[in-house]
Structures are given as C-alpha cells and as structure tokens.
Amino acid sequence: MKFGVVLRTLGLISIIISATMLWPMGWSIYFSGPDIPAFLISIAIGVLGGLLLMFFTRKCNYQDMGIREAFAVVTLSWVVASAVGGLPFYIGKLAPTYTDAFFEAMSGFTTTGATILSEIESLPKGLLFWRSLTHWLGGMGIIVLGLAILPFIGVGGMQLYKAEVPGPTPEKLTPRIQQTAMLLWGAYVALSVAEVIALLLCGMNFYDSLTHTFGTVATGGFSPRNASIAAYGSPLIEWVITVFMFLAGTNFVLHYMALKGKLSAFWKDEEFRFYTRFTVITIAVVSLVNLGLHSGDPVSKVIRDASFQVVSIMTTTGYTTVDYAIWPVAAKFILLLLMFFGGCSGSTGGSIKQMRIQIMFKRIKKEINQLLHPQQIMKIRFNNQVLQPYEVSSVTSFVLLYVMLFVIFSLVMIIVSGLDLVSGAASVAATLGNIGPGLGAVGPVMNYGFINIAGKWILSFCMLLGRLEIFSVIMLFVPGIWRK
C-alpha cells in the first residue's frame, strides 16, 4: 500500500469539500444568518488540513495509484468528506455532539436522509442548504466529481471509478475516464436544472426548489421543511417530485443517451423495463390495499400517496407526504420489502439494485428449469448478452452478503441501542439501503436523534457500506490490502 498517494488524495478531497461550503455560506450572507462564522471556521480547518496532507506527501505521484490504493481512497474519501462536512453542523450548534454532526453529514453525503434533527424550519438557512447540498455532491459521487474537475486524478482513475460508481457494471461512456465523469455529471446537472425549473413553475420558491432538487435527484430526502413535501399541500408538486425521483432511480447512462437524442435507449434497456413495470404494479397493489383504510379519501389522493411513497422508498429517496406508519400492515410490509430493491444500476439510488434482483430471479428460474431438463445447457442473458458464471456468482455473493449484514447489524442495533425488533431492523434497512426513514421508532415522522452514540456510529458505518456497495469498504478489512 502506497500510503502517500492515499493521503495526498484525501488532502485534495478535504480541500474540495471545504470549497463547496462557499455556496451555502453565500446563502448565510444573503439571509444575514448566524451561521457565517461556522462556515468560515470549517472552511479554514478543511483547507488547512488538506494542504498539510498534500505538503507532507508532495513527493508522491498520482500515477502510482493502484487497485489497493483506489479502494482505500474511495472509502476514506467518504469518511473525510463526512468528517469535514460535519464541522459546520457542530460549530454552528446544529448538532449537540460531533457524533451527531458526523452522522448528519454521512447521511447527507451517502444520500441516506436519516436525520437527528426535529425542528428544522427554525434553523439557519445556510446550514440547511449545506445539509441538502451534501446530498447533491454525494449523489453522483465525490470521486467522480474529483475525476471530472481534476484531470491529473484521471491517472489510475478507472480503479477509483469502478470502486465508487453504484451498480454491478459501471460503464465507461468514452475511453477517457475524465470525460466519462464529466458526461455523467453533465446529465446529473441537466436533470437537476430541469427539476428546479419544474418546481419553480409549481410555485415553490427558489431556495426550496434548489434544496428539494438536491434531495430528489440525489435520492437523498433532506428537506428544509418539518413536514417534508407534505408541507406544501400541493398535488402538482408531489407529482413532479415523484417523476423526478423515478428518473433519479434510472441509470444515468440512459439519461446521457436521451440527451443525445436516443430516447429509445430507455425501453431497450432490460433493467429499465423491469424497473418501470415493477413500480407500476407495486403502486397499484399498495393503492388497492390502502383503499380500505382511506375509504373517505378520493381515489386520486390514494393513488397519489401510494405513488409518491412507493417511488420514494424504492429509489431510496425517503421524502414523505403521509405518515405511512398508520397504513395497513400489508402496505407497510410492501414498503419494507421495497427497501431492499433500490433503483437501477448507475443511478443515485441505493440498496441492492434492480439489475441484481433481476439476475437473481433469472438464476432461480434457470435452476428450476435445469431440474426439469438436466441435460440441457442453459445460460442467463441480460440485455441480450450472455452473463458469465463469475458475473452471476458476483451478484449472488453481493445479495447474500447484503442480507447477512442486515441481519447482523439489526441484532447489534437491538443489543447496543435497546431498540425493539421492528425499529432495530428498520433502522439498519433504512441506513444500509441509504433510504432514511424506516418504521417503528425511526418512522417517517420520527428521527434518529434519540439513538445512543454507539448506535449512531454503527448506523453511520451502515450508510457507508450501502453507498459504496459493501465490497469497497470490506476490502479495507482484508489484511493483504495493507501489505506492500
């Protein structure tokens, strides 16, 4: 392991994260908020710390970046980003302890949306904007951002790109990794601009349009309003955000293709077709289940509420318009299952991902058919391509490891934090899947502030595991990665 290259890159990440604080500080100045000193001090600490790391590793070369260094850089970059990004929350007294500040920042950057805050609307606008901006920065990826704006990181950047981009098959759009990063961020910015304009046309003010766009396009879920999207009481706003959550859960490579005029790329993609059909069917089922509970509500509202919450949970956004904790048990159980599905590969959504779910279904179907026709040679295909055995095995390993970690950390949370079975399991499902709100004590109208310090660090680790798709983080616990 070449530690110098790792530390030098981490120093650079610290400076980048600190520089992005200038935008929310601008809002602090505009609103004459009390949080200006918090940003100034945080920026100074982050930049100074980054410069010191770069100074002491000035003889190191980014060209020495190998696969082991890439895994270390990717995982530790998110830890550094959260450590620096949590400073304004702590210094600005938004969070009572640094543990709370780190939890909030990790939740933001990993686009989880779990919060320790309750009375949100009374807090300084600059800090709330930073809270939402962490979503947007983390949505497409901190390393992908670095690759896009800093060409010298592109040397050895493919290892970094593969280790960070969510999904089983990160795609290169061009031979040059920096250009790929720029194109992905271009599609990301285009979708963000489109939503801001749409929300402005719906009557939402510019500040709220920006913050809610950050939470939607990044599938994060932080809102500057206590009641989340329900605060606006606008069916039009709810439908707009529902559509953009769905789009954010789609592979961004498809969005890039659409910007080039190839709209047919969406329906040609097998994962997108499955994602669309599954979403529509689930909305229909939840709507039917809820019609009994909301017999006094118009059918249009029942469908709208079901559409919003199904898409919000499945894409791991976490916005809410209703307290789904009071829904029928069958509806809540469906939402719990959706926490394990997630969006498409290459999207900003978390959890297992639609492609992996599909491949697992295909594998089960193959095993059943193989029992019926033992002499027949059967292959698993995806998007008209035959999957190699190691690819199917990789997907199976990921799903099994994901479920195993969910069970282990649920048990740990129940023991360490004293949560009941539903709350303990839901807290892990919601953080490991980067969803945010769960069920029970961490339901849609609750928060994570009451959880003890140990529990918050455990859940912060779950967020990191979920955002980096487990293996990038687990690699750091393999002794061989640290040996020369």
Protein backbone atom coordinates (compact mmCIF):
# COMPACT_ATOMS: atom_id res chain seq x y z
CA MET A 1 0.00 0.00 0.00
CA LYS A 2 1.42 3.39 -1.04
CA PHE A 3 0.09 5.48 1.85
CA GLY A 4 1.47 8.73 0.47
CA VAL A 5 -0.76 8.60 -2.62
CA VAL A 6 -3.78 7.82 -0.44
CA LEU A 7 -3.11 10.69 1.99
CA ARG A 8 -2.38 13.14 -0.83
CA THR A 9 -5.72 12.37 -2.50
CA LEU A 10 -7.56 12.63 0.83
CA GLY A 11 -6.00 16.05 1.35
CA LEU A 12 -7.34 17.09 -2.04
CA ILE A 13 -10.82 15.80 -1.16
CA SER A 14 -10.76 17.81 2.07
CA ILE A 15 -10.00 20.99 0.11
CA ILE A 16 -12.73 20.28 -2.47
CA ILE A 17 -15.38 19.68 0.21
CA SER A 18 -14.31 22.83 2.06
CA ALA A 19 -14.51 24.89 -1.15
CA THR A 20 -18.09 23.76 -1.77
CA MET A 21 -19.08 25.34 1.56
CA LEU A 22 -18.74 28.75 -0.09
CA TRP A 23 -22.12 28.25 -1.78
CA PRO A 24 -24.16 27.70 1.43
CA MET A 25 -22.15 30.46 3.11
CA GLY A 26 -23.44 32.74 0.34
CA TRP A 27 -26.98 31.91 1.47
CA SER A 28 -25.95 32.63 5.06
CA ILE A 29 -24.76 36.08 3.99
CA TYR A 30 -27.95 36.65 1.94
CA PHE A 31 -30.18 35.78 4.91
CA SER A 32 -27.83 37.53 7.42
CA GLY A 33 -27.72 34.26 9.33
CA PRO A 34 -25.77 33.46 12.49
CA ASP A 35 -24.01 30.54 10.77
CA ILE A 36 -21.42 32.56 8.81
CA PRO A 37 -18.65 32.00 11.42
CA ALA A 38 -19.38 28.26 11.40
CA PHE A 39 -18.65 28.10 7.68
CA LEU A 40 -15.56 30.30 7.89
CA ILE A 41 -14.03 28.18 10.63
CA SER A 42 -14.97 24.92 8.92
CA ILE A 43 -13.51 26.05 5.59
CA ALA A 44 -10.30 27.11 7.32
CA ILE A 45 -9.95 23.77 9.12
CA GLY A 46 -10.72 21.72 6.00
CA VAL A 47 -8.41 23.66 3.69
CA LEU A 48 -5.56 23.80 6.21
CA GLY A 49 -5.83 20.09 6.96
CA GLY A 50 -5.90 19.28 3.24
CA LEU A 51 -2.90 21.49 2.47
CA LEU A 52 -0.89 19.91 5.27
CA LEU A 53 -1.59 16.41 3.94
CA MET A 54 -0.60 17.47 0.44
CA PHE A 55 2.54 19.23 1.68
CA PHE A 56 3.84 16.20 3.58
CA THR A 57 3.11 13.93 0.59
CA ARG A 58 4.29 16.36 -2.13
CA LYS A 59 6.81 13.81 -3.49
CA CYS A 60 4.07 11.26 -4.18
CA ASN A 61 2.67 10.81 -7.69
CA TYR A 62 -0.92 10.06 -8.62
CA GLN A 63 0.43 7.72 -11.32
CA ASP A 64 1.31 5.29 -8.52
CA MET A 65 -2.39 4.74 -7.83
CA GLY A 66 -3.12 1.01 -7.92
CA ILE A 67 -6.19 -1.06 -7.16
CA ARG A 68 -5.39 -1.29 -3.42
CA GLU A 69 -4.84 2.45 -3.14
CA ALA A 70 -8.07 3.04 -5.07
CA PHE A 71 -10.17 1.05 -2.59
CA ALA A 72 -8.55 2.89 0.32
CA VAL A 73 -9.01 6.31 -1.29
CA VAL A 74 -12.65 5.74 -2.20
CA THR A 75 -13.73 4.51 1.23
CA LEU A 76 -11.67 7.00 3.24
CA SER A 77 -12.74 9.89 0.97
CA TRP A 78 -16.30 9.49 2.18
CA VAL A 79 -15.11 9.37 5.78
CA VAL A 80 -13.02 12.54 5.28
CA ALA A 81 -15.90 14.27 3.48
CA SER A 82 -18.24 13.47 6.37
CA ALA A 83 -15.65 14.48 8.98
CA VAL A 84 -15.09 17.85 7.29
CA GLY A 85 -18.71 18.23 6.19
CA GLY A 86 -19.95 17.72 9.74
CA LEU A 87 -17.91 20.65 11.10
CA PRO A 88 -20.46 23.38 10.21
CA PHE A 89 -23.21 21.39 11.98
CA TYR A 90 -21.11 21.06 15.13
CA ILE A 91 -19.54 24.53 15.16
CA GLY A 92 -22.89 26.10 14.23
CA LYS A 93 -24.51 24.19 17.13
CA LEU A 94 -26.94 22.46 14.80
CA ALA A 95 -25.79 19.16 16.31
CA PRO A 96 -25.28 18.77 20.08
CA THR A 97 -22.24 16.47 19.71
CA TYR A 98 -19.68 15.79 16.99
CA THR A 99 -21.11 12.27 16.70
CA ASP A 100 -24.45 13.81 15.71
CA ALA A 101 -22.70 16.16 13.28
CA PHE A 102 -20.80 13.30 11.65
CA PHE A 103 -23.98 11.21 11.46
CA GLU A 104 -25.86 14.06 9.73
CA ALA A 105 -23.01 14.65 7.27
CA MET A 106 -22.56 10.95 6.50
CA SER A 107 -26.31 10.69 5.99
CA GLY A 108 -26.13 13.64 3.61
CA PHE A 109 -23.16 12.55 1.50
CA THR A 110 -24.35 8.94 1.24
CA THR A 111 -27.81 10.28 0.23
CA THR A 112 -29.43 8.41 3.11
CA GLY A 113 -31.56 11.20 4.56
CA ALA A 114 -31.64 9.90 8.14
CA THR A 115 -31.56 12.89 10.47
CA ILE A 116 -31.03 13.73 14.13
CA LEU A 117 -32.97 17.00 13.75
CA SER A 118 -36.59 17.69 14.63
CA GLU A 119 -37.42 21.43 14.45
CA ILE A 120 -35.87 22.07 11.05
CA GLU A 121 -37.57 25.24 9.82
CA SER A 122 -36.21 27.35 12.69
CA LEU A 123 -32.58 26.51 11.82
CA PRO A 124 -30.21 28.82 9.86
CA LYS A 125 -30.81 28.75 6.11
CA GLY A 126 -27.13 28.40 5.25
CA LEU A 127 -26.70 25.25 7.32
CA LEU A 128 -29.91 23.76 5.92
CA PHE A 129 -28.67 24.49 2.40
CA TRP A 130 -25.34 22.79 3.19
CA ARG A 131 -27.26 19.83 4.58
CA SER A 132 -29.09 19.43 1.26
CA LEU A 133 -26.01 20.20 -0.84
CA THR A 134 -24.18 17.24 0.73
CA HIS A 135 -26.84 15.06 -0.94
CA TRP A 136 -26.14 16.53 -4.35
CA LEU A 137 -22.37 16.25 -4.00
CA GLY A 138 -22.59 12.64 -2.85
CA GLY A 139 -25.29 11.59 -5.31
CA MET A 140 -23.08 11.22 -8.36
CA GLY A 141 -20.03 10.54 -6.20
CA ILE A 142 -17.24 12.51 -4.56
CA ILE A 143 -14.53 10.71 -6.51
CA VAL A 144 -16.44 11.06 -9.80
CA LEU A 145 -16.62 14.81 -9.08
CA GLY A 146 -12.87 14.85 -8.49
CA LEU A 147 -12.25 12.95 -11.72
CA ALA A 148 -14.41 15.42 -13.62
CA ILE A 149 -12.74 18.63 -12.42
CA LEU A 150 -9.16 17.48 -11.74
CA PRO A 151 -7.58 15.87 -14.81
CA PHE A 152 -4.43 14.72 -13.01
CA ILE A 153 -6.51 12.33 -10.88
CA GLY A 154 -7.52 10.61 -14.11
CA VAL A 155 -4.27 8.64 -13.98
CA GLY A 156 -5.37 5.38 -12.41
CA GLY A 157 -8.85 6.85 -12.23
CA MET A 158 -10.63 3.80 -13.62
CA GLN A 159 -9.88 1.93 -10.39
CA LEU A 160 -11.40 4.81 -8.43
CA TYR A 161 -14.40 4.99 -10.78
CA LYS A 162 -15.18 1.28 -10.53
CA ALA A 163 -14.83 1.32 -6.76
CA GLU A 164 -17.27 4.20 -6.27
CA VAL A 165 -19.92 4.21 -9.03
CA PRO A 166 -23.01 2.37 -7.74
CA GLY A 167 -24.22 -0.73 -9.55
CA PRO A 168 -22.83 -4.09 -10.64
CA THR A 169 -21.49 -2.86 -14.01
CA PRO A 170 -20.10 0.70 -14.01
CA GLU A 171 -19.98 1.84 -17.62
CA LYS A 172 -17.42 3.99 -19.40
CA LEU A 173 -19.03 6.27 -21.95
CA THR A 174 -15.70 7.22 -23.53
CA PRO A 175 -12.15 5.80 -23.47
CA ARG A 176 -11.04 8.68 -21.22
CA ILE A 177 -12.29 8.30 -17.66
CA GLN A 178 -12.25 12.05 -17.01
CA GLN A 179 -14.55 12.63 -19.99
CA THR A 180 -16.88 9.87 -18.75
CA ALA A 181 -17.05 11.57 -15.33
CA MET A 182 -17.80 14.92 -16.95
CA LEU A 183 -20.57 13.44 -19.12
CA LEU A 184 -22.22 11.76 -16.13
CA TRP A 185 -22.07 14.99 -14.14
CA GLY A 186 -23.45 16.80 -17.19
CA ALA A 187 -26.52 14.54 -17.26
CA TYR A 188 -26.81 14.95 -13.48
CA VAL A 189 -26.75 18.77 -13.72
CA ALA A 190 -29.22 18.75 -16.62
CA LEU A 191 -31.74 16.68 -14.65
CA SER A 192 -31.23 18.98 -11.64
CA VAL A 193 -31.85 22.14 -13.68
CA ALA A 194 -34.99 20.60 -15.18
CA GLU A 195 -36.43 19.86 -11.73
CA VAL A 196 -35.60 23.30 -10.34
CA ILE A 197 -37.49 24.88 -13.25
CA ALA A 198 -40.42 22.48 -12.81
CA LEU A 199 -40.72 23.25 -9.09
CA LEU A 200 -40.48 26.99 -9.72
CA LEU A 201 -43.35 26.67 -12.19
CA CYS A 202 -45.33 24.85 -9.48
CA GLY A 203 -44.99 27.87 -7.19
CA MET A 204 -42.12 26.75 -4.96
CA ASN A 205 -39.57 29.47 -4.12
CA PHE A 206 -36.01 29.30 -5.50
CA TYR A 207 -34.35 28.27 -2.21
CA ASP A 208 -36.80 25.43 -1.60
CA SER A 209 -36.63 24.39 -5.26
CA LEU A 210 -32.86 24.01 -5.05
CA THR A 211 -32.82 22.12 -1.75
CA HIS A 212 -35.60 19.74 -2.78
CA THR A 213 -33.95 19.16 -6.15
CA PHE A 214 -30.72 18.21 -4.36
CA GLY A 215 -32.67 15.71 -2.28
CA THR A 216 -34.62 14.34 -5.25
CA VAL A 217 -32.00 13.97 -7.98
CA ALA A 218 -29.53 12.53 -5.47
CA THR A 219 -32.31 10.33 -3.98
CA GLY A 220 -31.40 11.74 -0.57
CA GLY A 221 -34.51 13.10 1.12
CA PHE A 222 -33.35 16.01 3.29
CA SER A 223 -35.95 18.81 3.26
CA PRO A 224 -35.83 22.31 4.81
CA ARG A 225 -39.43 21.77 5.94
CA ASN A 226 -40.53 19.87 9.06
CA ALA A 227 -43.31 18.04 7.22
CA SER A 228 -41.14 17.30 4.16
CA ILE A 229 -43.08 17.53 0.88
CA ALA A 230 -46.40 17.35 2.77
CA ALA A 231 -45.76 20.91 3.98
CA TYR A 232 -46.78 22.33 0.58
CA GLY A 233 -50.11 20.53 0.29
CA SER A 234 -49.73 20.64 -3.49
CA PRO A 235 -50.66 17.59 -5.60
CA LEU A 236 -48.75 19.11 -8.54
CA ILE A 237 -45.52 19.41 -6.54
CA GLU A 238 -45.95 15.84 -5.30
CA TRP A 239 -46.35 14.51 -8.86
CA VAL A 240 -43.34 16.49 -10.12
CA ILE A 241 -41.12 15.15 -7.34
CA THR A 242 -42.50 11.62 -7.88
CA VAL A 243 -41.49 11.76 -11.55
CA PHE A 244 -38.02 13.11 -10.82
CA MET A 245 -37.44 10.55 -8.06
CA PHE A 246 -38.28 7.86 -10.61
CA LEU A 247 -35.87 9.42 -13.12
CA ALA A 248 -33.14 9.69 -10.48
CA GLY A 249 -33.55 5.96 -9.84
CA THR A 250 -32.76 5.33 -13.53
CA ASN A 251 -29.28 4.58 -14.88
CA PHE A 252 -27.68 7.96 -15.70
CA VAL A 253 -26.07 6.48 -18.78
CA LEU A 254 -29.60 6.29 -20.21
CA HIS A 255 -30.15 9.96 -19.37
CA TYR A 256 -26.96 10.81 -21.23
CA MET A 257 -28.18 8.78 -24.23
CA ALA A 258 -31.50 10.62 -24.08
CA LEU A 259 -29.71 13.99 -24.13
CA LYS A 260 -28.04 12.81 -27.34
CA GLY A 261 -31.47 12.18 -28.82
CA LYS A 262 -31.55 8.41 -28.31
CA LEU A 263 -34.79 8.23 -26.32
CA SER A 264 -35.33 4.63 -27.37
CA ALA A 265 -32.38 3.66 -25.15
CA PHE A 266 -34.72 3.67 -22.14
CA TRP A 267 -37.11 0.96 -23.33
CA LYS A 268 -34.33 -1.06 -24.96
CA ASP A 269 -32.74 -1.44 -21.54
CA GLU A 270 -33.98 -4.59 -19.80
CA GLU A 271 -33.38 -3.21 -16.33
CA PHE A 272 -35.38 -0.04 -17.02
CA ARG A 273 -38.32 -2.09 -18.37
CA PHE A 274 -38.31 -4.24 -15.23
CA TYR A 275 -37.97 -1.15 -13.02
CA THR A 276 -40.93 0.57 -14.72
CA ARG A 277 -43.25 -2.44 -14.66
CA PHE A 278 -42.39 -3.30 -11.07
CA THR A 279 -43.04 0.29 -9.97
CA VAL A 280 -46.45 0.46 -11.68
CA ILE A 281 -47.57 -2.92 -10.30
CA THR A 282 -46.42 -2.08 -6.76
CA ILE A 283 -48.23 1.28 -6.84
CA ALA A 284 -51.42 -0.50 -7.96
CA VAL A 285 -51.17 -3.09 -5.17
CA VAL A 286 -50.46 -0.52 -2.43
CA SER A 287 -53.31 1.67 -3.70
CA LEU A 288 -55.74 -1.24 -3.52
CA VAL A 289 -54.57 -2.15 -0.01
CA ASN A 290 -54.95 1.45 1.16
CA LEU A 291 -58.40 2.00 -0.32
CA GLY A 292 -59.86 0.19 2.69
CA LEU A 293 -58.05 2.47 5.15
CA HIS A 294 -58.67 5.71 3.28
CA SER A 295 -62.24 4.99 2.27
CA GLY A 296 -63.11 8.64 2.81
CA ASP A 297 -60.33 9.95 0.56
CA PRO A 298 -60.71 10.42 -3.19
CA VAL A 299 -59.23 7.60 -5.23
CA SER A 300 -56.90 10.12 -6.88
CA LYS A 301 -55.35 11.00 -3.49
CA VAL A 302 -54.92 7.34 -2.53
CA ILE A 303 -53.13 6.68 -5.83
CA ARG A 304 -51.03 9.83 -5.48
CA ASP A 305 -49.95 8.95 -1.92
CA ALA A 306 -49.16 5.37 -2.92
CA SER A 307 -47.21 6.52 -5.99
CA PHE A 308 -45.15 9.02 -4.02
CA GLN A 309 -44.25 6.68 -1.15
CA VAL A 310 -43.57 3.63 -3.34
CA VAL A 311 -41.22 5.58 -5.61
CA SER A 312 -39.66 7.42 -2.66
CA ILE A 313 -38.85 4.21 -0.76
CA MET A 314 -37.84 2.11 -3.77
CA THR A 315 -35.48 4.76 -5.14
CA THR A 316 -34.19 5.20 -1.55
CA THR A 317 -35.06 8.93 -1.56
CA GLY A 318 -37.01 8.99 1.68
CA TYR A 319 -39.29 12.01 1.12
CA THR A 320 -42.74 11.70 2.69
CA THR A 321 -46.18 13.16 2.07
CA VAL A 322 -48.09 11.00 4.56
CA ASP A 323 -47.38 9.06 7.74
CA TYR A 324 -47.25 5.59 6.18
CA ALA A 325 -46.73 4.13 9.66
CA ILE A 326 -50.54 4.22 10.03
CA TRP A 327 -51.11 2.35 6.76
CA PRO A 328 -52.36 -1.26 6.84
CA VAL A 329 -49.78 -3.88 7.79
CA ALA A 330 -49.77 -5.28 4.25
CA ALA A 331 -48.85 -1.86 2.80
CA LYS A 332 -46.10 -1.32 5.38
CA PHE A 333 -44.71 -4.78 4.67
CA ILE A 334 -44.54 -3.95 0.95
CA LEU A 335 -42.64 -0.74 1.74
CA LEU A 336 -40.24 -2.74 3.93
CA LEU A 337 -39.58 -5.11 1.02
CA LEU A 338 -39.01 -2.15 -1.31
CA MET A 339 -36.16 -1.01 0.94
CA PHE A 340 -34.17 -3.97 -0.41
CA PHE A 341 -34.85 -3.29 -4.11
CA GLY A 342 -33.43 0.16 -4.77
CA GLY A 343 -33.11 1.92 -8.12
CA CYS A 344 -31.29 0.88 -11.28
CA SER A 345 -27.55 0.29 -11.52
CA GLY A 346 -25.73 3.51 -12.34
CA SER A 347 -28.41 5.60 -10.62
CA THR A 348 -28.12 7.63 -7.43
CA GLY A 349 -30.40 5.13 -5.65
CA GLY A 350 -29.06 2.74 -3.04
CA SER A 351 -29.88 -0.76 -1.79
CA ILE A 352 -29.44 -3.99 -3.80
CA LYS A 353 -30.41 -2.53 -7.23
CA GLN A 354 -32.94 -3.70 -9.81
CA MET A 355 -30.37 -5.41 -12.03
CA ARG A 356 -29.21 -7.70 -9.24
CA ILE A 357 -32.81 -8.56 -8.34
CA GLN A 358 -33.48 -9.45 -11.97
CA ILE A 359 -30.39 -11.62 -12.25
CA MET A 360 -31.33 -13.45 -9.05
CA PHE A 361 -34.81 -14.15 -10.48
CA LYS A 362 -33.22 -15.39 -13.70
CA ARG A 363 -30.89 -17.65 -11.73
CA ILE A 364 -33.78 -19.15 -9.76
CA LYS A 365 -35.70 -19.74 -12.99
CA LYS A 366 -32.65 -21.40 -14.51
CA GLU A 367 -32.20 -23.72 -11.51
CA ILE A 368 -35.84 -24.80 -11.71
CA ASN A 369 -35.65 -25.43 -15.46
CA GLN A 370 -32.37 -27.28 -15.02
CA LEU A 371 -34.10 -29.72 -12.68
CA LEU A 372 -36.73 -30.36 -15.33
CA HIS A 373 -34.20 -30.62 -18.17
CA PRO A 374 -30.89 -31.74 -16.62
CA GLN A 375 -29.22 -32.44 -19.99
CA GLN A 376 -30.00 -29.04 -21.49
CA ILE A 377 -27.33 -26.30 -21.46
CA MET A 378 -28.91 -23.12 -20.15
CA LYS A 379 -27.43 -19.64 -19.99
CA ILE A 380 -28.54 -16.50 -18.22
CA ARG A 381 -28.93 -13.49 -20.51
CA PHE A 382 -29.22 -9.82 -19.66
CA ASN A 383 -29.79 -7.12 -22.29
CA ASN A 384 -29.28 -9.83 -24.95
CA GLN A 385 -25.83 -10.68 -23.62
CA VAL A 386 -24.86 -13.98 -22.02
CA LEU A 387 -23.69 -13.49 -18.43
CA GLN A 388 -20.55 -15.33 -17.49
CA PRO A 389 -20.73 -17.65 -14.44
CA TYR A 390 -18.44 -15.36 -12.42
CA GLU A 391 -20.79 -12.41 -13.09
CA VAL A 392 -23.81 -14.33 -11.80
CA SER A 393 -21.76 -15.56 -8.85
CA SER A 394 -20.70 -11.98 -8.04
CA VAL A 395 -24.33 -10.85 -7.94
CA THR A 396 -25.32 -13.81 -5.76
CA SER A 397 -22.45 -13.10 -3.36
CA PHE A 398 -23.44 -9.45 -3.07
CA VAL A 399 -27.10 -10.23 -2.31
CA LEU A 400 -26.19 -12.88 0.27
CA LEU A 401 -23.66 -10.57 1.93
CA TYR A 402 -26.17 -7.70 1.94
CA VAL A 403 -28.82 -9.83 3.66
CA MET A 404 -26.26 -11.25 6.11
CA LEU A 405 -25.04 -7.77 7.09
CA PHE A 406 -28.64 -6.63 7.50
CA VAL A 407 -29.31 -9.47 9.96
CA ILE A 408 -26.03 -8.97 11.87
CA PHE A 409 -26.33 -5.19 12.24
CA SER A 410 -30.02 -5.45 13.14
CA LEU A 411 -29.09 -7.73 16.03
CA VAL A 412 -26.24 -5.41 17.03
CA MET A 413 -28.53 -2.36 17.00
CA ILE A 414 -31.14 -4.13 19.12
CA ILE A 415 -28.47 -5.06 21.68
CA VAL A 416 -26.48 -1.82 21.67
CA SER A 417 -29.33 0.71 21.41
CA GLY A 418 -32.14 -1.23 23.09
CA LEU A 419 -34.45 -0.81 20.10
CA ASP A 420 -37.41 -3.13 19.58
CA LEU A 421 -37.29 -5.69 16.77
CA VAL A 422 -39.13 -3.58 14.18
CA SER A 423 -37.22 -0.37 14.94
CA GLY A 424 -33.84 -2.11 15.10
CA ALA A 425 -34.33 -3.93 11.79
CA ALA A 426 -35.86 -0.87 10.13
CA SER A 427 -33.01 1.42 11.24
CA VAL A 428 -30.48 -0.89 9.59
CA ALA A 429 -32.60 -1.46 6.46
CA ALA A 430 -33.05 2.30 6.11
CA THR A 431 -29.35 3.16 6.55
CA LEU A 432 -27.78 0.18 4.78
CA GLY A 433 -30.13 0.88 1.85
CA ASN A 434 -29.47 4.66 2.07
CA ILE A 435 -33.21 5.30 2.46
CA GLY A 436 -33.51 7.39 5.66
CA PRO A 437 -36.94 7.00 7.27
CA GLY A 438 -37.89 3.48 8.34
CA LEU A 439 -40.58 2.03 10.56
CA GLY A 440 -41.29 1.99 14.30
CA ALA A 441 -39.24 4.44 16.35
CA VAL A 442 -37.43 5.62 13.18
CA GLY A 443 -40.62 6.03 11.14
CA PRO A 444 -41.46 8.81 8.65
CA VAL A 445 -42.43 11.40 11.30
CA MET A 446 -39.60 10.44 13.69
CA ASN A 447 -35.81 10.97 13.66
CA TYR A 448 -32.60 9.29 14.81
CA GLY A 449 -31.67 11.82 17.49
CA PHE A 450 -32.68 9.56 20.39
CA ILE A 451 -30.31 6.73 19.41
CA ASN A 452 -27.21 6.48 21.62
CA ILE A 453 -23.68 7.34 20.48
CA ALA A 454 -22.66 3.74 19.73
CA GLY A 455 -25.81 3.21 17.67
CA LYS A 456 -25.18 6.33 15.61
CA TRP A 457 -21.63 5.22 14.74
CA ILE A 458 -22.93 1.77 13.76
CA LEU A 459 -25.61 3.26 11.53
CA SER A 460 -23.06 5.68 10.03
CA PHE A 461 -20.98 2.65 9.08
CA CYS A 462 -24.09 1.04 7.57
CA MET A 463 -24.61 4.16 5.42
CA LEU A 464 -21.03 3.95 4.17
CA LEU A 465 -21.39 0.24 3.41
CA GLY A 466 -24.59 0.85 1.48
CA ARG A 467 -23.31 3.79 -0.57
CA LEU A 468 -20.09 2.04 -1.60
CA GLU A 469 -21.83 -1.27 -2.26
CA ILE A 470 -20.18 -3.15 0.61
CA PHE A 471 -17.14 -4.67 -1.11
CA SER A 472 -15.17 -1.41 -1.41
CA VAL A 473 -15.45 -0.97 2.37
CA ILE A 474 -14.94 -4.64 3.26
CA MET A 475 -11.69 -4.65 1.25
CA LEU A 476 -10.10 -2.39 3.88
CA PHE A 477 -10.56 -5.16 6.46
CA VAL A 478 -8.62 -7.67 4.36
CA PRO A 479 -5.05 -7.78 5.79
CA GLY A 480 -3.49 -8.35 2.37
CA ILE A 481 -4.52 -4.92 1.09
CA TRP A 482 -2.20 -3.18 3.56
CA ARG A 483 0.87 -5.25 2.75
CA LYS A 484 3.49 -3.97 0.33
